[in-house]
Amino acid sequence: MSDLDEVVAIEREVFLFPWTRGNFGDSIDSGYHCMVLEQNGHLFGYGVMIIGPEEAHLLTLSVAAGSQRKGWGERLLRHFICIARDQRARSMFLDVRESNRVAARLYERMGFRQIGKRRDYYPAMGGREDSIVMELML
């Protein structure tokens, strides 16, 4: 909870349609796996994952603009994958904006594969944007 202001600031910096402080607070209150990337007292990334019976769903993962493309997102993703395996999840799911090719390539490198699309899933400038649904078998 003490990191929420910094997490929300990064969220607003990186996304046009950010999660709210309430979204993050509800995730913490619900017992979701919430992690931050922090080095020398500087918070620069975060992620939220929910685990249910035999499956995990990565709800959000982000790295501050100035720390992107340095491997931090991959490290955080690997950590979430380890947690999901430790919790005996058989698969892990996530949604990624169709336009977010950088993130989709990271997920593909990590072994995720596209299993579907959700039409008009995300808000977008001038309308809605499709989500690519991806799965990793654990």
N, C-alpha and C. Protein backbone atom coordinates (compact mmCIF):
# COMPACT_ATOMS: atom_id res chain seq x y z
N MET A 1 0.82 -1.20 0.00
CA MET A 1 0.00 0.00 0.00
C MET A 1 0.87 1.26 0.00
N SER A 2 2.02 1.18 0.64
CA SER A 2 2.88 2.37 0.73
C SER A 2 3.48 2.75 -0.62
N ASP A 3 3.45 1.86 -1.59
CA ASP A 3 4.02 2.12 -2.92
C ASP A 3 2.99 2.63 -3.93
N LEU A 4 1.73 2.73 -3.53
CA LEU A 4 0.67 3.04 -4.49
C LEU A 4 0.87 4.34 -5.25
N ASP A 5 1.30 5.39 -4.59
CA ASP A 5 1.48 6.66 -5.29
C ASP A 5 2.49 6.52 -6.43
N GLU A 6 3.60 5.84 -6.15
CA GLU A 6 4.64 5.65 -7.18
C GLU A 6 4.14 4.74 -8.30
N VAL A 7 3.42 3.68 -7.94
CA VAL A 7 2.88 2.76 -8.95
C VAL A 7 1.90 3.50 -9.86
N VAL A 8 1.01 4.26 -9.26
CA VAL A 8 0.02 5.01 -10.05
C VAL A 8 0.70 6.05 -10.94
N ALA A 9 1.76 6.67 -10.47
CA ALA A 9 2.49 7.65 -11.29
C ALA A 9 3.10 6.97 -12.52
N ILE A 10 3.68 5.80 -12.35
CA ILE A 10 4.24 5.07 -13.50
C ILE A 10 3.11 4.65 -14.43
N GLU A 11 2.02 4.16 -13.86
CA GLU A 11 0.87 3.73 -14.66
C GLU A 11 0.38 4.87 -15.55
N ARG A 12 0.30 6.06 -15.00
CA ARG A 12 -0.16 7.23 -15.77
C ARG A 12 0.87 7.66 -16.81
N GLU A 13 2.13 7.43 -16.52
CA GLU A 13 3.20 7.79 -17.45
C GLU A 13 3.20 6.86 -18.67
N VAL A 14 2.90 5.61 -18.45
CA VAL A 14 3.10 4.59 -19.48
C VAL A 14 1.82 4.29 -20.28
N PHE A 15 0.66 4.43 -19.67
CA PHE A 15 -0.59 4.04 -20.34
C PHE A 15 -1.51 5.23 -20.57
N LEU A 16 -2.16 5.25 -21.73
CA LEU A 16 -3.15 6.29 -22.03
C LEU A 16 -4.41 6.09 -21.20
N PHE A 17 -4.72 4.84 -20.86
CA PHE A 17 -5.91 4.52 -20.09
C PHE A 17 -5.49 3.71 -18.86
N PRO A 18 -4.95 4.42 -17.87
CA PRO A 18 -4.33 3.74 -16.73
C PRO A 18 -5.33 3.15 -15.75
N TRP A 19 -4.85 2.15 -15.01
CA TRP A 19 -5.58 1.69 -13.84
C TRP A 19 -5.63 2.83 -12.84
N THR A 20 -6.63 2.81 -11.98
CA THR A 20 -6.75 3.81 -10.93
C THR A 20 -6.08 3.31 -9.65
N ARG A 21 -5.90 4.23 -8.74
CA ARG A 21 -5.40 3.87 -7.42
C ARG A 21 -6.32 2.81 -6.80
N GLY A 22 -7.62 2.98 -7.02
CA GLY A 22 -8.60 2.01 -6.51
C GLY A 22 -8.41 0.62 -7.10
N ASN A 23 -8.09 0.55 -8.39
CA ASN A 23 -7.84 -0.76 -9.01
C ASN A 23 -6.68 -1.47 -8.33
N PHE A 24 -5.61 -0.75 -8.09
CA PHE A 24 -4.45 -1.34 -7.44
C PHE A 24 -4.76 -1.68 -5.98
N GLY A 25 -5.43 -0.78 -5.28
CA GLY A 25 -5.79 -1.04 -3.89
C GLY A 25 -6.69 -2.26 -3.75
N ASP A 26 -7.66 -2.39 -4.66
CA ASP A 26 -8.54 -3.56 -4.64
C ASP A 26 -7.75 -4.85 -4.89
N SER A 27 -6.76 -4.79 -5.77
CA SER A 27 -5.93 -5.97 -6.04
C SER A 27 -5.16 -6.39 -4.80
N ILE A 28 -4.63 -5.41 -4.09
CA ILE A 28 -3.91 -5.71 -2.85
C ILE A 28 -4.87 -6.28 -1.80
N ASP A 29 -6.02 -5.61 -1.63
CA ASP A 29 -7.01 -6.06 -0.64
C ASP A 29 -7.54 -7.45 -0.95
N SER A 30 -7.58 -7.82 -2.23
CA SER A 30 -8.10 -9.13 -2.63
C SER A 30 -7.06 -10.23 -2.51
N GLY A 31 -5.83 -9.86 -2.16
CA GLY A 31 -4.79 -10.87 -1.99
C GLY A 31 -4.11 -11.30 -3.27
N TYR A 32 -4.25 -10.51 -4.32
CA TYR A 32 -3.54 -10.81 -5.56
C TYR A 32 -2.04 -10.68 -5.32
N HIS A 33 -1.27 -11.30 -6.18
CA HIS A 33 0.19 -11.19 -6.08
C HIS A 33 0.59 -9.86 -6.72
N CYS A 34 1.04 -8.94 -5.89
CA CYS A 34 1.43 -7.60 -6.33
C CYS A 34 2.90 -7.41 -6.02
N MET A 35 3.68 -7.12 -7.04
CA MET A 35 5.12 -6.97 -6.89
C MET A 35 5.56 -5.63 -7.47
N VAL A 36 6.65 -5.11 -6.89
CA VAL A 36 7.26 -3.91 -7.45
C VAL A 36 8.72 -4.18 -7.73
N LEU A 37 9.25 -3.46 -8.70
CA LEU A 37 10.68 -3.43 -8.97
C LEU A 37 11.22 -2.19 -8.29
N GLU A 38 12.21 -2.37 -7.45
CA GLU A 38 12.76 -1.25 -6.72
C GLU A 38 14.27 -1.46 -6.58
N GLN A 39 15.01 -0.40 -6.78
CA GLN A 39 16.46 -0.46 -6.65
C GLN A 39 16.93 0.84 -6.01
N ASN A 40 17.72 0.72 -4.95
CA ASN A 40 18.24 1.89 -4.23
C ASN A 40 17.13 2.86 -3.85
N GLY A 41 16.00 2.32 -3.41
CA GLY A 41 14.89 3.15 -2.97
C GLY A 41 14.07 3.76 -4.09
N HIS A 42 14.38 3.41 -5.34
CA HIS A 42 13.67 3.96 -6.50
C HIS A 42 12.77 2.88 -7.10
N LEU A 43 11.47 3.10 -7.04
CA LEU A 43 10.50 2.17 -7.61
C LEU A 43 10.35 2.46 -9.10
N PHE A 44 10.49 1.44 -9.95
CA PHE A 44 10.43 1.68 -11.40
C PHE A 44 9.65 0.64 -12.17
N GLY A 45 8.95 -0.24 -11.50
CA GLY A 45 8.12 -1.21 -12.19
C GLY A 45 7.22 -1.95 -11.22
N TYR A 46 6.24 -2.64 -11.77
CA TYR A 46 5.27 -3.34 -10.94
C TYR A 46 4.50 -4.35 -11.78
N GLY A 47 3.81 -5.23 -11.10
CA GLY A 47 2.94 -6.18 -11.75
C GLY A 47 1.91 -6.72 -10.78
N VAL A 48 0.81 -7.22 -11.34
CA VAL A 48 -0.27 -7.80 -10.55
C VAL A 48 -0.71 -9.08 -11.23
N MET A 49 -0.83 -10.15 -10.42
CA MET A 49 -1.26 -11.44 -10.95
C MET A 49 -2.25 -12.07 -9.97
N ILE A 50 -3.24 -12.73 -10.52
CA ILE A 50 -4.19 -13.49 -9.71
C ILE A 50 -3.99 -14.97 -10.04
N ILE A 51 -4.09 -15.80 -9.01
CA ILE A 51 -3.97 -17.24 -9.22
C ILE A 51 -5.24 -17.90 -8.72
N GLY A 52 -5.85 -18.69 -9.60
CA GLY A 52 -7.03 -19.47 -9.25
C GLY A 52 -6.68 -20.94 -9.37
N PRO A 53 -7.68 -21.79 -9.29
CA PRO A 53 -7.41 -23.23 -9.42
C PRO A 53 -6.74 -23.56 -10.75
N GLU A 54 -5.50 -23.97 -10.69
CA GLU A 54 -4.71 -24.46 -11.81
C GLU A 54 -4.34 -23.43 -12.86
N GLU A 55 -4.68 -22.16 -12.65
CA GLU A 55 -4.28 -21.16 -13.63
C GLU A 55 -3.98 -19.82 -12.99
N ALA A 56 -3.10 -19.10 -13.64
CA ALA A 56 -2.73 -17.75 -13.21
C ALA A 56 -3.10 -16.78 -14.33
N HIS A 57 -3.40 -15.57 -13.97
CA HIS A 57 -3.70 -14.53 -14.96
C HIS A 57 -2.91 -13.29 -14.58
N LEU A 58 -2.00 -12.91 -15.45
CA LEU A 58 -1.23 -11.69 -15.26
C LEU A 58 -2.12 -10.52 -15.67
N LEU A 59 -2.46 -9.68 -14.71
CA LEU A 59 -3.39 -8.59 -14.98
C LEU A 59 -2.71 -7.35 -15.51
N THR A 60 -1.52 -7.07 -15.01
CA THR A 60 -0.77 -5.92 -15.50
C THR A 60 0.70 -6.10 -15.14
N LEU A 61 1.55 -5.56 -15.97
CA LEU A 61 2.99 -5.56 -15.74
C LEU A 61 3.54 -4.36 -16.48
N SER A 62 4.31 -3.54 -15.79
CA SER A 62 4.83 -2.34 -16.44
C SER A 62 6.15 -1.91 -15.82
N VAL A 63 6.95 -1.26 -16.64
CA VAL A 63 8.23 -0.69 -16.23
C VAL A 63 8.22 0.78 -16.66
N ALA A 64 8.69 1.64 -15.79
CA ALA A 64 8.74 3.08 -16.09
C ALA A 64 9.50 3.33 -17.39
N ALA A 65 9.09 4.33 -18.11
CA ALA A 65 9.66 4.61 -19.44
C ALA A 65 11.18 4.65 -19.44
N GLY A 66 11.78 5.29 -18.46
CA GLY A 66 13.24 5.43 -18.42
C GLY A 66 13.98 4.14 -18.12
N SER A 67 13.27 3.11 -17.68
CA SER A 67 13.91 1.83 -17.35
C SER A 67 13.52 0.71 -18.30
N GLN A 68 12.75 1.04 -19.33
CA GLN A 68 12.33 0.02 -20.29
C GLN A 68 13.49 -0.42 -21.19
N ARG A 69 13.32 -1.60 -21.77
CA ARG A 69 14.28 -2.20 -22.70
C ARG A 69 15.64 -2.46 -22.06
N LYS A 70 15.60 -2.78 -20.77
CA LYS A 70 16.83 -3.11 -20.04
C LYS A 70 16.71 -4.48 -19.38
N GLY A 71 15.66 -5.22 -19.73
CA GLY A 71 15.47 -6.57 -19.20
C GLY A 71 14.67 -6.65 -17.92
N TRP A 72 14.21 -5.51 -17.39
CA TRP A 72 13.48 -5.52 -16.13
C TRP A 72 12.11 -6.17 -16.26
N GLY A 73 11.43 -5.90 -17.36
CA GLY A 73 10.12 -6.51 -17.57
C GLY A 73 10.23 -8.02 -17.63
N GLU A 74 11.24 -8.51 -18.31
CA GLU A 74 11.45 -9.96 -18.40
C GLU A 74 11.75 -10.55 -17.03
N ARG A 75 12.56 -9.87 -16.24
CA ARG A 75 12.86 -10.37 -14.89
C ARG A 75 11.62 -10.44 -14.02
N LEU A 76 10.79 -9.42 -14.10
CA LEU A 76 9.57 -9.41 -13.31
C LEU A 76 8.62 -10.49 -13.80
N LEU A 77 8.52 -10.65 -15.12
CA LEU A 77 7.67 -11.70 -15.68
C LEU A 77 8.15 -13.08 -15.23
N ARG A 78 9.45 -13.31 -15.26
CA ARG A 78 9.99 -14.60 -14.79
C ARG A 78 9.62 -14.85 -13.33
N HIS A 79 9.66 -13.80 -12.53
CA HIS A 79 9.30 -13.94 -11.12
C HIS A 79 7.83 -14.36 -10.98
N PHE A 80 6.95 -13.75 -11.75
CA PHE A 80 5.53 -14.13 -11.71
C PHE A 80 5.34 -15.57 -12.18
N ILE A 81 6.07 -15.97 -13.20
CA ILE A 81 5.98 -17.35 -13.68
C ILE A 81 6.40 -18.32 -12.57
N CYS A 82 7.45 -18.01 -11.86
CA CYS A 82 7.90 -18.86 -10.74
C CYS A 82 6.84 -18.94 -9.66
N ILE A 83 6.21 -17.84 -9.33
CA ILE A 83 5.15 -17.85 -8.33
C ILE A 83 4.00 -18.73 -8.79
N ALA A 84 3.61 -18.59 -10.06
CA ALA A 84 2.51 -19.40 -10.59
C ALA A 84 2.86 -20.89 -10.51
N ARG A 85 4.07 -21.24 -10.88
CA ARG A 85 4.49 -22.65 -10.78
C ARG A 85 4.48 -23.13 -9.34
N ASP A 86 5.00 -22.30 -8.43
CA ASP A 86 5.03 -22.67 -7.02
C ASP A 86 3.63 -22.89 -6.46
N GLN A 87 2.66 -22.17 -7.01
CA GLN A 87 1.26 -22.29 -6.58
C GLN A 87 0.52 -23.40 -7.35
N ARG A 88 1.27 -24.16 -8.14
CA ARG A 88 0.77 -25.31 -8.89
C ARG A 88 -0.20 -24.97 -10.03
N ALA A 89 -0.05 -23.75 -10.55
CA ALA A 89 -0.84 -23.39 -11.73
C ALA A 89 -0.32 -24.20 -12.91
N ARG A 90 -1.21 -24.63 -13.76
CA ARG A 90 -0.81 -25.38 -14.96
C ARG A 90 -0.62 -24.47 -16.16
N SER A 91 -1.23 -23.30 -16.11
CA SER A 91 -1.09 -22.36 -17.22
C SER A 91 -1.19 -20.94 -16.70
N MET A 92 -0.69 -20.04 -17.52
CA MET A 92 -0.71 -18.61 -17.19
C MET A 92 -1.25 -17.87 -18.40
N PHE A 93 -2.17 -16.97 -18.15
CA PHE A 93 -2.81 -16.21 -19.22
C PHE A 93 -2.51 -14.72 -19.06
N LEU A 94 -2.60 -14.01 -20.16
CA LEU A 94 -2.51 -12.56 -20.13
C LEU A 94 -3.17 -11.99 -21.37
N ASP A 95 -3.51 -10.73 -21.29
CA ASP A 95 -4.02 -9.97 -22.44
C ASP A 95 -3.01 -8.89 -22.74
N VAL A 96 -2.82 -8.63 -24.02
CA VAL A 96 -1.93 -7.56 -24.44
C VAL A 96 -2.61 -6.82 -25.60
N ARG A 97 -2.48 -5.50 -25.58
CA ARG A 97 -3.06 -4.72 -26.68
C ARG A 97 -2.49 -5.20 -28.02
N GLU A 98 -3.32 -5.28 -29.00
CA GLU A 98 -2.88 -5.71 -30.32
C GLU A 98 -1.76 -4.79 -30.84
N SER A 99 -1.80 -3.52 -30.50
CA SER A 99 -0.79 -2.57 -30.97
C SER A 99 0.52 -2.64 -30.19
N ASN A 100 0.54 -3.34 -29.06
CA ASN A 100 1.73 -3.37 -28.21
C ASN A 100 2.64 -4.53 -28.63
N ARG A 101 3.29 -4.37 -29.77
CA ARG A 101 4.14 -5.43 -30.33
C ARG A 101 5.38 -5.68 -29.48
N VAL A 102 5.91 -4.66 -28.82
CA VAL A 102 7.09 -4.85 -27.97
C VAL A 102 6.76 -5.83 -26.85
N ALA A 103 5.65 -5.61 -26.17
CA ALA A 103 5.25 -6.52 -25.09
C ALA A 103 4.92 -7.90 -25.63
N ALA A 104 4.22 -7.97 -26.75
CA ALA A 104 3.85 -9.28 -27.33
C ALA A 104 5.10 -10.08 -27.68
N ARG A 105 6.12 -9.41 -28.20
CA ARG A 105 7.36 -10.13 -28.53
C ARG A 105 8.05 -10.65 -27.27
N LEU A 106 8.03 -9.88 -26.19
CA LEU A 106 8.59 -10.35 -24.93
C LEU A 106 7.84 -11.61 -24.49
N TYR A 107 6.53 -11.56 -24.51
CA TYR A 107 5.75 -12.72 -24.07
C TYR A 107 6.03 -13.94 -24.95
N GLU A 108 6.14 -13.72 -26.24
CA GLU A 108 6.47 -14.83 -27.15
C GLU A 108 7.83 -15.41 -26.84
N ARG A 109 8.82 -14.56 -26.58
CA ARG A 109 10.16 -15.05 -26.22
C ARG A 109 10.12 -15.89 -24.94
N MET A 110 9.21 -15.56 -24.06
CA MET A 110 9.09 -16.28 -22.80
C MET A 110 8.25 -17.55 -22.92
N GLY A 111 7.76 -17.82 -24.13
CA GLY A 111 7.03 -19.07 -24.36
C GLY A 111 5.52 -18.94 -24.44
N PHE A 112 4.99 -17.73 -24.29
CA PHE A 112 3.55 -17.55 -24.44
C PHE A 112 3.17 -17.69 -25.91
N ARG A 113 1.97 -18.19 -26.13
CA ARG A 113 1.46 -18.29 -27.51
C ARG A 113 0.06 -17.69 -27.56
N GLN A 114 -0.25 -17.12 -28.70
CA GLN A 114 -1.58 -16.52 -28.88
C GLN A 114 -2.62 -17.62 -28.96
N ILE A 115 -3.68 -17.48 -28.17
CA ILE A 115 -4.76 -18.47 -28.20
C ILE A 115 -6.09 -17.85 -28.60
N GLY A 116 -6.12 -16.53 -28.75
CA GLY A 116 -7.37 -15.90 -29.15
C GLY A 116 -7.26 -14.40 -29.13
N LYS A 117 -8.41 -13.78 -29.36
CA LYS A 117 -8.54 -12.32 -29.34
C LYS A 117 -9.81 -11.96 -28.62
N ARG A 118 -9.77 -10.82 -27.97
CA ARG A 118 -10.99 -10.26 -27.39
C ARG A 118 -11.26 -8.96 -28.15
N ARG A 119 -12.35 -8.94 -28.87
CA ARG A 119 -12.70 -7.77 -29.67
C ARG A 119 -13.07 -6.59 -28.77
N ASP A 120 -12.53 -5.43 -29.12
CA ASP A 120 -12.87 -4.18 -28.43
C ASP A 120 -12.65 -4.26 -26.91
N TYR A 121 -11.62 -4.94 -26.49
CA TYR A 121 -11.36 -5.17 -25.07
C TYR A 121 -10.84 -3.93 -24.35
N TYR A 122 -9.94 -3.21 -24.99
CA TYR A 122 -9.30 -2.06 -24.37
C TYR A 122 -9.88 -0.75 -24.89
N PRO A 123 -9.98 0.28 -24.02
CA PRO A 123 -10.31 1.60 -24.54
C PRO A 123 -9.12 2.12 -25.35
N ALA A 124 -9.43 2.90 -26.37
CA ALA A 124 -8.38 3.45 -27.23
C ALA A 124 -8.83 4.83 -27.71
N MET A 125 -7.87 5.59 -28.18
CA MET A 125 -8.20 6.89 -28.73
C MET A 125 -9.15 6.68 -29.91
N GLY A 126 -10.31 7.29 -29.85
CA GLY A 126 -11.27 7.18 -30.94
C GLY A 126 -12.00 5.86 -30.98
N GLY A 127 -12.04 5.12 -29.88
CA GLY A 127 -12.80 3.87 -29.92
C GLY A 127 -12.26 2.81 -28.98
N ARG A 128 -12.15 1.60 -29.51
CA ARG A 128 -11.71 0.45 -28.72
C ARG A 128 -10.62 -0.29 -29.49
N GLU A 129 -9.86 -1.12 -28.77
CA GLU A 129 -8.78 -1.90 -29.38
C GLU A 129 -8.90 -3.35 -28.94
N ASP A 130 -8.56 -4.25 -29.86
CA ASP A 130 -8.59 -5.67 -29.55
C ASP A 130 -7.46 -6.07 -28.63
N SER A 131 -7.70 -7.12 -27.87
CA SER A 131 -6.69 -7.73 -27.02
C SER A 131 -6.25 -9.04 -27.66
N ILE A 132 -4.97 -9.33 -27.57
CA ILE A 132 -4.46 -10.64 -27.93
C ILE A 132 -4.38 -11.43 -26.63
N VAL A 133 -5.03 -12.57 -26.58
CA VAL A 133 -5.01 -13.44 -25.40
C VAL A 133 -3.87 -14.44 -25.60
N MET A 134 -3.00 -14.52 -24.60
CA MET A 134 -1.83 -15.39 -24.70
C MET A 134 -1.81 -16.34 -23.51
N GLU A 135 -1.22 -17.52 -23.75
CA GLU A 135 -1.13 -18.54 -22.71
C GLU A 135 0.26 -19.14 -22.67
N LEU A 136 0.71 -19.43 -21.47
CA LEU A 136 1.95 -20.16 -21.25
C LEU A 136 1.60 -21.41 -20.47
N MET A 137 1.94 -22.57 -21.01
CA MET A 137 1.74 -23.81 -20.28
C MET A 137 2.90 -23.94 -19.29
N LEU A 138 2.56 -24.18 -18.03
CA LEU A 138 3.57 -24.26 -16.99
C LEU A 138 3.93 -25.70 -16.70
